[in-house]
């Protein structure tokens, strides 16, 4: 016998030929192996596939959820960027509109200023025309008054009546011309 068989025999049987109580009987060993094989087959055929299916389903659900979350996050980022771009465009548009409004306001103010200056110039021109007409009327009136007064005074000084209208007008014109020349030469000195 070989050394291995001797060890196994020694292990299985005690010195007096009795069976070791720690080792199962051969029939129990065969029944246990058949039961284990049946249990393994049942688990492999029915239980493990369900575990795998559930595991795969949950993995896909988790991965799908992660993927959906990533897609939602990417979509949210894209939407946020789009909103930011629209906001920037809106701000630029508002700035442009503000600038256009300022330019339009400045143009309107300039037009109003020009129109006001034109109206002021027309008013001043009309005032000057009225003033010149009033001055002319007053000069004519004053000349007539001065002429009448001068004729009365000259008539008193000369002692004769200067009632003749032609004479009177000639005298008045001479007097006023002398008065104008005196004023002109006096103003130049």
N, C-alpha and C. Protein backbone atom coordinates (compact mmCIF):
# COMPACT_ATOMS: atom_id res chain seq x y z
N UNK A 1 0.81 -1.16 0.00
CA UNK A 1 0.00 0.00 0.00
C UNK A 1 0.85 1.22 0.00
N UNK A 2 0.20 2.14 -0.53
CA UNK A 2 0.97 3.38 -0.60
C UNK A 2 0.73 4.20 0.66
N UNK A 3 1.48 5.22 0.77
CA UNK A 3 1.42 6.04 1.98
C UNK A 3 0.12 6.81 2.06
N UNK A 4 -0.42 7.20 0.93
CA UNK A 4 -1.66 7.99 0.90
C UNK A 4 -2.83 7.12 1.33
N UNK A 5 -2.92 5.95 0.79
CA UNK A 5 -4.00 5.07 1.15
C UNK A 5 -3.92 4.72 2.63
N UNK A 6 -2.77 4.55 3.12
CA UNK A 6 -2.60 4.24 4.52
C UNK A 6 -3.10 5.37 5.39
N UNK A 7 -2.87 6.59 4.97
CA UNK A 7 -3.32 7.76 5.75
C UNK A 7 -4.83 7.83 5.71
N UNK A 8 -5.44 7.60 4.53
CA UNK A 8 -6.90 7.68 4.39
C UNK A 8 -7.53 6.58 5.22
N UNK A 9 -7.00 5.39 5.16
CA UNK A 9 -7.55 4.29 5.93
C UNK A 9 -7.41 4.58 7.41
N UNK A 10 -6.33 5.10 7.81
CA UNK A 10 -6.12 5.45 9.20
C UNK A 10 -7.11 6.52 9.62
N UNK A 11 -7.38 7.40 8.74
CA UNK A 11 -8.27 8.51 9.04
C UNK A 11 -9.70 8.03 9.13
N UNK A 12 -10.10 7.12 8.23
CA UNK A 12 -11.47 6.66 8.20
C UNK A 12 -11.74 5.65 9.34
N UNK A 13 -10.84 4.82 9.60
CA UNK A 13 -11.10 3.80 10.61
C UNK A 13 -10.18 4.03 11.79
N UNK A 14 -10.70 3.79 12.89
CA UNK A 14 -9.88 3.94 14.06
C UNK A 14 -9.07 2.66 14.24
N UNK A 15 -8.26 2.53 15.25
CA UNK A 15 -7.38 1.40 15.45
C UNK A 15 -8.13 0.12 15.76
N UNK A 16 -9.22 0.24 16.30
CA UNK A 16 -9.95 -0.97 16.62
C UNK A 16 -10.98 -1.30 15.55
N UNK A 17 -11.04 -0.60 14.40
CA UNK A 17 -11.88 -0.91 13.26
C UNK A 17 -13.22 -0.22 13.29
N UNK A 18 -13.42 0.65 14.15
CA UNK A 18 -14.68 1.38 14.18
C UNK A 18 -14.61 2.58 13.24
N UNK A 19 -15.79 3.00 12.78
CA UNK A 19 -15.88 4.13 11.85
C UNK A 19 -15.77 5.41 12.65
N UNK A 20 -15.10 6.35 12.04
CA UNK A 20 -14.90 7.66 12.68
C UNK A 20 -16.22 8.43 12.68
N UNK A 21 -16.69 8.93 13.81
CA UNK A 21 -17.99 9.62 13.88
C UNK A 21 -17.95 11.01 13.23
N UNK A 22 -16.81 11.52 12.97
CA UNK A 22 -16.71 12.82 12.34
C UNK A 22 -16.94 12.75 10.85
N UNK A 23 -16.80 11.62 10.27
CA UNK A 23 -17.00 11.45 8.84
C UNK A 23 -18.38 10.91 8.58
N UNK A 24 -19.10 11.47 7.52
CA UNK A 24 -20.47 10.97 7.24
C UNK A 24 -20.40 9.60 6.58
N UNK A 25 -21.56 8.93 6.61
CA UNK A 25 -21.66 7.64 5.94
C UNK A 25 -21.72 7.88 4.46
N UNK A 26 -21.39 6.85 3.71
CA UNK A 26 -21.35 6.96 2.27
C UNK A 26 -22.73 7.27 1.73
N UNK A 27 -23.79 6.70 2.23
CA UNK A 27 -25.14 6.99 1.74
C UNK A 27 -25.53 8.44 2.01
N UNK A 28 -25.16 8.95 3.17
CA UNK A 28 -25.44 10.36 3.48
C UNK A 28 -24.66 11.28 2.56
N UNK A 29 -23.47 10.84 2.27
CA UNK A 29 -22.64 11.63 1.36
C UNK A 29 -23.25 11.67 -0.02
N UNK A 30 -23.77 10.56 -0.51
CA UNK A 30 -24.38 10.49 -1.84
C UNK A 30 -25.67 11.32 -1.83
N UNK A 31 -26.52 11.20 -0.85
CA UNK A 31 -27.77 11.97 -0.75
C UNK A 31 -27.44 13.46 -0.67
N UNK A 32 -26.47 13.82 0.08
CA UNK A 32 -26.06 15.24 0.20
C UNK A 32 -25.58 15.80 -1.11
N UNK A 33 -24.78 14.95 -1.85
CA UNK A 33 -24.29 15.42 -3.15
C UNK A 33 -25.42 15.57 -4.15
N UNK A 34 -26.39 14.66 -4.15
CA UNK A 34 -27.53 14.75 -5.07
C UNK A 34 -28.38 15.97 -4.70
N UNK A 35 -28.62 16.17 -3.41
CA UNK A 35 -29.40 17.33 -2.96
C UNK A 35 -28.70 18.63 -3.34
N UNK A 36 -27.38 18.65 -3.15
CA UNK A 36 -26.62 19.86 -3.54
C UNK A 36 -26.71 20.10 -5.03
N UNK A 37 -26.61 19.00 -5.83
CA UNK A 37 -26.69 19.13 -7.29
C UNK A 37 -28.05 19.64 -7.69
N UNK A 38 -29.14 19.09 -7.07
CA UNK A 38 -30.49 19.58 -7.38
C UNK A 38 -30.67 21.05 -6.99
N UNK A 39 -30.20 21.41 -5.81
CA UNK A 39 -30.29 22.80 -5.35
C UNK A 39 -29.49 23.71 -6.27
N UNK A 40 -28.31 23.29 -6.65
CA UNK A 40 -27.49 24.11 -7.57
C UNK A 40 -28.18 24.28 -8.91
N UNK A 41 -28.73 23.18 -9.42
CA UNK A 41 -29.45 23.26 -10.70
C UNK A 41 -30.65 24.19 -10.59
N UNK A 42 -31.46 24.07 -9.50
CA UNK A 42 -32.63 24.93 -9.31
C UNK A 42 -32.22 26.40 -9.22
N UNK A 43 -31.19 26.70 -8.45
CA UNK A 43 -30.71 28.09 -8.31
C UNK A 43 -30.19 28.61 -9.65
N UNK A 44 -29.42 27.76 -10.36
CA UNK A 44 -28.85 28.19 -11.63
C UNK A 44 -29.93 28.36 -12.69
N UNK A 45 -30.98 27.55 -12.64
CA UNK A 45 -32.02 27.59 -13.67
C UNK A 45 -33.06 28.69 -13.40
N UNK A 46 -33.44 28.90 -12.16
CA UNK A 46 -34.55 29.79 -11.87
C UNK A 46 -34.15 31.04 -11.07
N UNK A 47 -33.39 30.92 -10.05
CA UNK A 47 -33.12 32.04 -9.13
C UNK A 47 -32.06 32.98 -9.69
N UNK A 48 -30.92 32.46 -10.12
CA UNK A 48 -29.85 33.32 -10.62
C UNK A 48 -30.28 34.14 -11.85
N UNK A 49 -31.03 33.55 -12.80
CA UNK A 49 -31.48 34.37 -13.92
C UNK A 49 -32.37 35.54 -13.48
N UNK A 50 -33.21 35.27 -12.48
CA UNK A 50 -34.05 36.39 -11.97
C UNK A 50 -33.19 37.43 -11.27
N UNK A 51 -32.23 36.97 -10.50
CA UNK A 51 -31.31 37.91 -9.88
C UNK A 51 -30.60 38.74 -10.95
N UNK A 52 -30.13 38.06 -11.98
CA UNK A 52 -29.41 38.75 -13.07
C UNK A 52 -30.33 39.74 -13.78
N UNK A 53 -31.58 39.28 -14.06
CA UNK A 53 -32.53 40.17 -14.73
C UNK A 53 -32.82 41.39 -13.87
N UNK A 54 -33.06 41.17 -12.59
CA UNK A 54 -33.32 42.29 -11.67
C UNK A 54 -32.10 43.20 -11.58
N UNK A 55 -30.94 42.58 -11.46
CA UNK A 55 -29.70 43.36 -11.39
C UNK A 55 -29.50 44.17 -12.68
N UNK A 56 -29.70 43.52 -13.83
CA UNK A 56 -29.56 44.22 -15.11
C UNK A 56 -30.58 45.34 -15.23
N UNK A 57 -31.81 45.05 -14.82
CA UNK A 57 -32.88 46.05 -14.87
C UNK A 57 -32.53 47.25 -14.00
N UNK A 58 -32.08 46.98 -12.80
CA UNK A 58 -31.71 48.07 -11.89
C UNK A 58 -30.49 48.83 -12.41
N UNK A 59 -29.54 48.10 -12.96
CA UNK A 59 -28.35 48.76 -13.52
C UNK A 59 -28.75 49.67 -14.67
N UNK A 60 -29.64 49.14 -15.55
CA UNK A 60 -30.10 49.95 -16.67
C UNK A 60 -30.90 51.15 -16.17
N UNK A 61 -31.72 50.93 -15.14
CA UNK A 61 -32.51 52.03 -14.59
C UNK A 61 -31.59 53.09 -14.00
N UNK A 62 -30.60 52.65 -13.27
CA UNK A 62 -29.65 53.60 -12.66
C UNK A 62 -28.85 54.31 -13.74
N UNK A 63 -28.33 53.52 -14.70
CA UNK A 63 -27.55 54.14 -15.78
C UNK A 63 -28.44 55.05 -16.63
N UNK A 64 -29.69 54.58 -16.88
CA UNK A 64 -30.63 55.42 -17.63
C UNK A 64 -30.96 56.69 -16.87
N UNK A 65 -31.14 56.54 -15.56
CA UNK A 65 -31.41 57.73 -14.72
C UNK A 65 -30.23 58.68 -14.74
N UNK A 66 -29.03 58.11 -14.65
CA UNK A 66 -27.82 58.94 -14.70
C UNK A 66 -27.72 59.61 -16.06
N UNK A 67 -28.00 58.80 -17.10
CA UNK A 67 -27.92 59.35 -18.46
C UNK A 67 -28.98 60.44 -18.65
N UNK A 68 -30.21 60.17 -18.18
CA UNK A 68 -31.27 61.19 -18.28
C UNK A 68 -30.90 62.43 -17.48
N UNK A 69 -30.32 62.22 -16.30
CA UNK A 69 -29.90 63.36 -15.48
C UNK A 69 -28.81 64.16 -16.18
N UNK A 70 -27.86 63.44 -16.79
CA UNK A 70 -26.81 64.15 -17.53
C UNK A 70 -27.38 64.89 -18.73
N UNK A 71 -28.35 64.24 -19.43
CA UNK A 71 -28.98 64.91 -20.56
C UNK A 71 -29.78 66.12 -20.10
N UNK A 72 -30.50 65.95 -18.99
CA UNK A 72 -31.27 67.07 -18.45
C UNK A 72 -30.34 68.20 -18.02
N UNK A 73 -29.22 67.83 -17.42
CA UNK A 73 -28.25 68.84 -16.99
C UNK A 73 -27.65 69.53 -18.21
N UNK A 74 -27.32 68.77 -19.25
CA UNK A 74 -26.77 69.38 -20.47
C UNK A 74 -27.82 70.28 -21.12
N UNK A 75 -29.07 69.81 -21.13
CA UNK A 75 -30.15 70.64 -21.69
C UNK A 75 -30.35 71.90 -20.86
N UNK A 76 -30.28 71.75 -19.56
CA UNK A 76 -30.42 72.92 -18.68
C UNK A 76 -29.28 73.91 -18.92
N UNK A 77 -28.07 73.39 -19.09
CA UNK A 77 -26.93 74.27 -19.38
C UNK A 77 -27.12 74.97 -20.71
N UNK A 78 -27.57 74.22 -21.72
CA UNK A 78 -27.81 74.82 -23.04
C UNK A 78 -28.90 75.88 -22.96
N UNK A 79 -29.96 75.57 -22.22
CA UNK A 79 -31.05 76.54 -22.06
C UNK A 79 -30.56 77.77 -21.31
N UNK A 80 -29.75 77.54 -20.27
CA UNK A 80 -29.19 78.66 -19.51
C UNK A 80 -28.32 79.53 -20.41
N UNK A 81 -27.49 78.90 -21.21
CA UNK A 81 -26.65 79.66 -22.14
C UNK A 81 -27.50 80.42 -23.14
N UNK A 82 -28.57 79.77 -23.61
CA UNK A 82 -29.48 80.43 -24.55
C UNK A 82 -30.13 81.63 -23.88
N UNK A 83 -30.59 81.47 -22.65
CA UNK A 83 -31.21 82.58 -21.92
C UNK A 83 -30.19 83.69 -21.67
N UNK A 84 -28.98 83.31 -21.35
CA UNK A 84 -27.94 84.33 -21.14
C UNK A 84 -27.67 85.09 -22.43
N UNK A 85 -27.63 84.35 -23.55
CA UNK A 85 -27.41 85.01 -24.84
C UNK A 85 -28.58 85.93 -25.17
N UNK A 86 -29.81 85.45 -24.91
CA UNK A 86 -30.98 86.30 -25.16
C UNK A 86 -30.97 87.51 -24.25
N UNK A 87 -30.56 87.32 -23.00
CA UNK A 87 -30.48 88.43 -22.07
C UNK A 87 -29.43 89.44 -22.53
N UNK A 88 -28.30 88.93 -22.99
CA UNK A 88 -27.26 89.83 -23.50
C UNK A 88 -27.76 90.57 -24.73
N UNK A 89 -28.47 89.86 -25.62
CA UNK A 89 -29.05 90.51 -26.79
C UNK A 89 -30.07 91.56 -26.38
N UNK A 90 -30.89 91.22 -25.39
CA UNK A 90 -31.90 92.17 -24.92
C UNK A 90 -31.23 93.40 -24.31
N UNK A 91 -30.17 93.19 -23.56
CA UNK A 91 -29.45 94.33 -22.98
C UNK A 91 -28.82 95.18 -24.07
N UNK A 92 -28.25 94.53 -25.07
CA UNK A 92 -27.66 95.29 -26.18
C UNK A 92 -28.75 96.05 -26.93
N UNK A 93 -29.88 95.41 -27.15
CA UNK A 93 -31.01 96.06 -27.83
C UNK A 93 -31.52 97.25 -27.00
N UNK A 94 -31.61 97.04 -25.69
CA UNK A 94 -32.05 98.13 -24.81
C UNK A 94 -31.05 99.28 -24.86
N UNK A 95 -29.77 98.98 -24.86
CA UNK A 95 -28.75 100.02 -24.98
C UNK A 95 -28.85 100.76 -26.30
N UNK A 96 -29.08 100.00 -27.38
CA UNK A 96 -29.22 100.63 -28.69
C UNK A 96 -30.45 101.52 -28.72
N UNK A 97 -31.55 101.03 -28.18
CA UNK A 97 -32.78 101.83 -28.14
C UNK A 97 -32.58 103.08 -27.30
N UNK A 98 -31.87 102.93 -26.17
CA UNK A 98 -31.58 104.08 -25.32
C UNK A 98 -30.75 105.11 -26.06
N UNK A 99 -29.74 104.63 -26.79
CA UNK A 99 -28.90 105.55 -27.56
C UNK A 99 -29.70 106.24 -28.66
N UNK A 100 -30.57 105.45 -29.33
CA UNK A 100 -31.41 106.04 -30.37
C UNK A 100 -32.34 107.09 -29.77
N UNK A 101 -32.89 106.78 -28.58
CA UNK A 101 -33.78 107.73 -27.91
C UNK A 101 -33.02 109.00 -27.53
N UNK A 102 -31.80 108.84 -27.05
CA UNK A 102 -30.99 110.03 -26.71
C UNK A 102 -30.70 110.86 -27.95
N UNK A 103 -30.33 110.17 -29.03
CA UNK A 103 -30.05 110.89 -30.28
C UNK A 103 -31.31 111.57 -30.79
N UNK A 104 -32.44 110.86 -30.72
CA UNK A 104 -33.72 111.44 -31.16
C UNK A 104 -34.08 112.63 -30.27
N UNK A 105 -33.87 112.49 -28.98
CA UNK A 105 -34.14 113.60 -28.05
C UNK A 105 -33.25 114.80 -28.36
N UNK A 106 -31.97 114.53 -28.62
CA UNK A 106 -31.05 115.63 -28.95
C UNK A 106 -31.47 116.30 -30.25
N UNK A 107 -31.89 115.48 -31.23
CA UNK A 107 -32.34 116.03 -32.51
C UNK A 107 -33.59 116.89 -32.31
N UNK A 108 -34.54 116.39 -31.51
CA UNK A 108 -35.77 117.14 -31.25
C UNK A 108 -35.45 118.44 -30.53
N UNK A 109 -34.55 118.37 -29.53
CA UNK A 109 -34.16 119.59 -28.80
C UNK A 109 -33.53 120.58 -29.76
N UNK A 110 -32.66 120.08 -30.64
CA UNK A 110 -31.99 120.96 -31.61
C UNK A 110 -33.01 121.58 -32.56
N UNK A 111 -33.98 120.77 -33.02
CA UNK A 111 -35.02 121.30 -33.90
C UNK A 111 -35.85 122.35 -33.18
N UNK A 112 -36.20 122.07 -31.92
CA UNK A 112 -36.99 123.03 -31.14
C UNK A 112 -36.19 124.31 -30.90
N UNK A 113 -34.89 124.14 -30.64
CA UNK A 113 -34.05 125.32 -30.43
C UNK A 113 -33.98 126.15 -31.71
N UNK A 114 -33.80 125.47 -32.84
CA UNK A 114 -33.74 126.19 -34.12
C UNK A 114 -35.07 126.88 -34.41
N UNK A 115 -36.17 126.18 -34.15
CA UNK A 115 -37.49 126.76 -34.37
C UNK A 115 -37.71 127.95 -33.44
N UNK A 116 -37.29 127.81 -32.19
CA UNK A 116 -37.42 128.92 -31.24
C UNK A 116 -36.58 130.11 -31.67
N UNK A 117 -35.37 129.83 -32.17
CA UNK A 117 -34.52 130.93 -32.64
C UNK A 117 -35.14 131.61 -33.86
N UNK A 118 -35.74 130.79 -34.76
CA UNK A 118 -36.41 131.38 -35.92
C UNK A 118 -37.59 132.24 -35.47
N UNK A 119 -38.38 131.73 -34.53
CA UNK A 119 -39.51 132.50 -34.04
C UNK A 119 -39.04 133.77 -33.35
N UNK A 120 -37.97 133.65 -32.56
CA UNK A 120 -37.43 134.83 -31.89
C UNK A 120 -36.94 135.84 -32.92
N UNK A 121 -36.29 135.34 -33.97
CA UNK A 121 -35.80 136.25 -35.02
C UNK A 121 -36.98 136.93 -35.71
N UNK A 122 -38.06 136.17 -35.98
CA UNK A 122 -39.26 136.77 -36.61
C UNK A 122 -39.89 137.81 -35.69
N UNK A 123 -39.97 137.47 -34.39
CA UNK A 123 -40.55 138.41 -33.43
C UNK A 123 -39.72 139.67 -33.35
N UNK A 124 -38.38 139.48 -33.29
CA UNK A 124 -37.49 140.65 -33.23
C UNK A 124 -37.64 141.47 -34.51
N UNK A 125 -37.70 140.80 -35.64
CA UNK A 125 -37.83 141.51 -36.92
C UNK A 125 -39.15 142.27 -36.97
N UNK A 126 -40.24 141.62 -36.55
CA UNK A 126 -41.53 142.31 -36.52
C UNK A 126 -41.49 143.48 -35.55
N UNK A 127 -40.84 143.25 -34.39
CA UNK A 127 -40.70 144.32 -33.40
C UNK A 127 -39.92 145.49 -33.98
N UNK A 128 -38.83 145.16 -34.68
CA UNK A 128 -38.03 146.22 -35.29
C UNK A 128 -38.83 146.95 -36.36
N UNK A 129 -39.60 146.19 -37.15
CA UNK A 129 -40.44 146.81 -38.18
C UNK A 129 -41.48 147.73 -37.53
N UNK A 130 -42.12 147.22 -36.46
CA UNK A 130 -43.11 148.03 -35.76
C UNK A 130 -42.45 149.25 -35.13
N UNK A 131 -41.27 149.03 -34.57
CA UNK A 131 -40.53 150.14 -33.96
C UNK A 131 -40.17 151.17 -35.01
N UNK A 132 -39.70 150.70 -36.18
CA UNK A 132 -39.34 151.62 -37.26
C UNK A 132 -40.57 152.36 -37.75
N UNK A 133 -41.70 151.65 -37.88
CA UNK A 133 -42.94 152.31 -38.32
C UNK A 133 -43.40 153.31 -37.28
N UNK A 134 -43.34 152.91 -36.01
CA UNK A 134 -43.73 153.83 -34.94
C UNK A 134 -42.80 155.02 -34.89
N UNK A 135 -41.53 154.77 -35.08
CA UNK A 135 -40.55 155.86 -35.08
C UNK A 135 -40.84 156.82 -36.24
N UNK A 136 -41.11 156.23 -37.41
CA UNK A 136 -41.41 157.05 -38.58
C UNK A 136 -42.68 157.87 -38.33
N UNK A 137 -43.69 157.22 -37.75
CA UNK A 137 -44.93 157.94 -37.44
C UNK A 137 -44.67 159.06 -36.45
N UNK A 138 -43.88 158.74 -35.39
CA UNK A 138 -43.57 159.77 -34.39
C UNK A 138 -42.74 160.90 -34.99
N UNK A 139 -41.76 160.53 -35.86
CA UNK A 139 -40.94 161.56 -36.49
C UNK A 139 -41.82 162.48 -37.34
N UNK A 140 -42.72 161.88 -38.09
CA UNK A 140 -43.62 162.66 -38.94
C UNK A 140 -44.53 163.54 -38.07
N UNK A 141 -45.04 162.95 -37.01
CA UNK A 141 -45.90 163.70 -36.10
C UNK A 141 -45.13 164.84 -35.44
N UNK A 142 -43.93 164.50 -34.97
CA UNK A 142 -43.11 165.52 -34.31
C UNK A 142 -42.73 166.61 -35.30
N UNK A 143 -42.39 166.21 -36.53
CA UNK A 143 -42.04 167.22 -37.55
C UNK A 143 -43.24 168.15 -37.79
N UNK A 144 -44.42 167.54 -37.86
CA UNK A 144 -45.60 168.38 -38.08
C UNK A 144 -45.81 169.32 -36.90
N UNK A 145 -45.66 168.77 -35.68
CA UNK A 145 -45.82 169.61 -34.48
C UNK A 145 -44.73 170.68 -34.42
N UNK A 146 -43.49 170.26 -34.69
CA UNK A 146 -42.38 171.22 -34.67
C UNK A 146 -42.57 172.27 -35.75
N UNK A 147 -43.04 171.81 -36.90
CA UNK A 147 -43.29 172.76 -38.00
C UNK A 147 -44.34 173.78 -37.62
N UNK A 148 -45.44 173.34 -37.02
CA UNK A 148 -46.50 174.26 -36.62
C UNK A 148 -46.00 175.22 -35.56
N UNK A 149 -45.28 174.67 -34.59
CA UNK A 149 -44.74 175.51 -33.52
C UNK A 149 -43.71 176.48 -34.10
N UNK A 150 -42.88 175.98 -35.01
CA UNK A 150 -41.86 176.85 -35.61
C UNK A 150 -42.51 177.97 -36.42
N UNK A 151 -43.57 177.66 -37.13
CA UNK A 151 -44.25 178.68 -37.93
C UNK A 151 -44.88 179.71 -37.01
N UNK A 152 -45.50 179.26 -35.92
CA UNK A 152 -46.08 180.20 -34.97
C UNK A 152 -45.00 181.09 -34.39
N UNK A 153 -43.88 180.48 -33.99
CA UNK A 153 -42.78 181.27 -33.39
C UNK A 153 -42.17 182.21 -34.43
N UNK A 154 -41.96 181.69 -35.62
CA UNK A 154 -41.38 182.53 -36.67
C UNK A 154 -42.32 183.68 -36.99
N UNK A 155 -43.62 183.39 -36.99
CA UNK A 155 -44.60 184.44 -37.26
C UNK A 155 -44.57 185.48 -36.17
N UNK A 156 -44.39 185.12 -34.98
CA UNK A 156 -44.32 186.07 -33.88
C UNK A 156 -43.02 186.85 -33.95
N UNK A 157 -41.93 186.14 -34.28
CA UNK A 157 -40.64 186.83 -34.34
C UNK A 157 -40.62 187.79 -35.52
N UNK A 158 -41.02 187.36 -36.65
CA UNK A 158 -40.97 188.17 -37.87
C UNK A 158 -42.05 189.24 -37.81
N UNK A 159 -43.08 188.93 -37.18
CA UNK A 159 -44.15 189.89 -37.07
C UNK A 159 -45.13 189.80 -38.21
N UNK A 160 -44.98 188.91 -39.09
CA UNK A 160 -45.94 188.78 -40.17
C UNK A 160 -46.51 187.38 -40.13
N UNK A 161 -47.59 187.19 -40.71
CA UNK A 161 -48.28 185.92 -40.71
C UNK A 161 -47.66 185.00 -41.75
N UNK A 162 -47.41 183.82 -41.33
CA UNK A 162 -46.84 182.82 -42.23
C UNK A 162 -47.92 181.78 -42.52
N UNK A 163 -49.07 182.23 -42.84
CA UNK A 163 -50.19 181.34 -43.04
C UNK A 163 -50.14 180.65 -44.39
N UNK A 164 -49.43 181.18 -45.31
CA UNK A 164 -49.35 180.56 -46.63
C UNK A 164 -48.71 179.19 -46.47
N UNK A 165 -49.40 178.17 -46.97
CA UNK A 165 -48.95 176.79 -46.75
C UNK A 165 -47.66 176.49 -47.47
N UNK A 166 -47.46 176.97 -48.66
CA UNK A 166 -46.22 176.72 -49.40
C UNK A 166 -45.07 177.36 -48.67
N UNK A 167 -45.26 178.55 -48.21
CA UNK A 167 -44.22 179.23 -47.47
C UNK A 167 -43.96 178.52 -46.16
N UNK A 168 -45.02 178.13 -45.57
CA UNK A 168 -44.92 177.45 -44.28
C UNK A 168 -44.14 176.15 -44.44
N UNK A 169 -44.47 175.33 -45.44
CA UNK A 169 -43.76 174.06 -45.66
C UNK A 169 -42.29 174.30 -45.99
N UNK A 170 -41.99 175.27 -46.79
CA UNK A 170 -40.60 175.58 -47.14
C UNK A 170 -39.81 175.99 -45.91
N UNK A 171 -40.40 176.83 -45.09
CA UNK A 171 -39.73 177.30 -43.87
C UNK A 171 -39.50 176.13 -42.93
N UNK A 172 -40.51 175.31 -42.78
CA UNK A 172 -40.40 174.16 -41.87
C UNK A 172 -39.32 173.21 -42.37
N UNK A 173 -39.31 172.94 -43.66
CA UNK A 173 -38.31 172.03 -44.22
C UNK A 173 -36.91 172.59 -44.03
N UNK A 174 -36.71 173.87 -44.26
CA UNK A 174 -35.41 174.50 -44.06
C UNK A 174 -34.99 174.39 -42.60
N UNK A 175 -35.92 174.68 -41.72
CA UNK A 175 -35.63 174.62 -40.29
C UNK A 175 -35.22 173.21 -39.88
N UNK A 176 -35.98 172.23 -40.31
CA UNK A 176 -35.66 170.84 -39.94
C UNK A 176 -34.35 170.38 -40.56
N UNK A 177 -34.08 170.76 -41.78
CA UNK A 177 -32.80 170.41 -42.41
C UNK A 177 -31.65 171.05 -41.66
N UNK A 178 -31.83 172.31 -41.25
CA UNK A 178 -30.79 172.97 -40.46
C UNK A 178 -30.61 172.25 -39.12
N UNK A 179 -31.74 171.84 -38.55
CA UNK A 179 -31.69 171.13 -37.28
C UNK A 179 -30.99 169.79 -37.44
N UNK A 180 -31.29 169.05 -38.51
CA UNK A 180 -30.63 167.77 -38.77
C UNK A 180 -29.14 167.94 -39.00
N UNK A 181 -28.77 168.95 -39.78
CA UNK A 181 -27.34 169.17 -40.04
C UNK A 181 -26.61 169.59 -38.78
N UNK A 182 -27.28 170.33 -37.93
CA UNK A 182 -26.66 170.73 -36.68
C UNK A 182 -26.47 169.51 -35.78
N UNK A 183 -27.46 168.65 -35.75
CA UNK A 183 -27.39 167.44 -34.93
C UNK A 183 -26.33 166.50 -35.47
N UNK A 184 -26.25 166.39 -36.79
CA UNK A 184 -25.27 165.51 -37.41
C UNK A 184 -23.86 166.02 -37.19
N UNK A 185 -23.64 167.28 -37.37
CA UNK A 185 -22.29 167.82 -37.17
C UNK A 185 -21.94 167.87 -35.70
N UNK A 186 -22.93 168.07 -34.85
CA UNK A 186 -22.67 168.06 -33.40
C UNK A 186 -22.38 166.67 -32.89
N UNK A 187 -22.99 165.68 -33.48
CA UNK A 187 -22.76 164.28 -33.07
C UNK A 187 -21.41 163.80 -33.50
N UNK A 188 -20.81 164.40 -34.55
CA UNK A 188 -19.51 163.95 -35.08
C UNK A 188 -18.36 164.57 -34.32
N UNK A 189 -18.55 165.70 -33.66
CA UNK A 189 -17.45 166.36 -32.98
C UNK A 189 -16.89 165.59 -31.87
